[in-house]
Amino acid sequence: MLKVLVLDVGGSNIKLWAAGRRKPIKIPSGPSMTARDMVRDVKQAVRNWTYDVVSIGYPGVVLLGKIATEPHNLGGGWVGFNFSRAFRRPVIVINDAAMQALGSYRTGRMLFLGFGTGLGAAVIADGVVEPTELAHLPYLKGRTYEDYVGRSGLRRLGKKKWRRHVNDVVTRLRDALEVDDVVVGGGNAKKLKTLPRGVRRATNASAFLGGVSLWNEKRAATHTRSTLVRRP
């Protein structure tokens, strides 16, 4: 079996998993981190790990297995960067919310929302995962969904108001997309005391499971925007 190194790239931290490791480790990221910086820091952190391939969950648009836009909450140099050459391993890049959605999927039509530095979103419908850019759609007072429910919104509004907006956003998107199942994850999901009807929390291992499944199920993530979900 392939040994997969899974990277969940966020605006504040990058989480790293590999088979045989009981818990992920974190390395700081932030608005100045470039793709080259990320690879350097990850390789240093896992210098004693054994892995055959790499899965990268990227917080932005990924088309045909390639990063299509620079991230909103990190530094530059991500578009066109050759991760396979840098890691000297085969690499699959997928939207970070899509990777967590894959690890959380059960059946039917599911919406995944990741509440972290920004807002990640992906839909799985009839076994196909489709990343979305819902975060930057207009929401209230000239601001976007991410402006209210991302980290900047949490700091500006405080926990109580932020929670009300999270519940409102989750409910709006659930109803608009007509999904059967909603999963919330990300570093700030733990700050939610209650969840709206029909909403569940992602597990701590969802990103790792999604990253591993990209290889174990031989998905076509490097060739298509949408990725077929195959279940035993």
Foldseek 3Di string as FASTA:
>chain_A
DFWEWEWQDDLFWIWIDTPPDPGTDIDGFWAEHEPLNVLVVVCVVCVVPDGAEYEYAAAADAFLQFGDDADPTGHYDRGPDDVCVSVVHHYGYAHNQQLLCLLFDDDAKEWEWEAEQFIWIWIAHHQKIATDDQRQDDDPPRGGLRCCQHPVNCVVPPLVSSLVSVQVVVVVVCVVVVTQAYEYHYDCVVSHPDHDPRYYYRDSCSSVSSRVCCPVVVWSSNGGNMTGHDDD
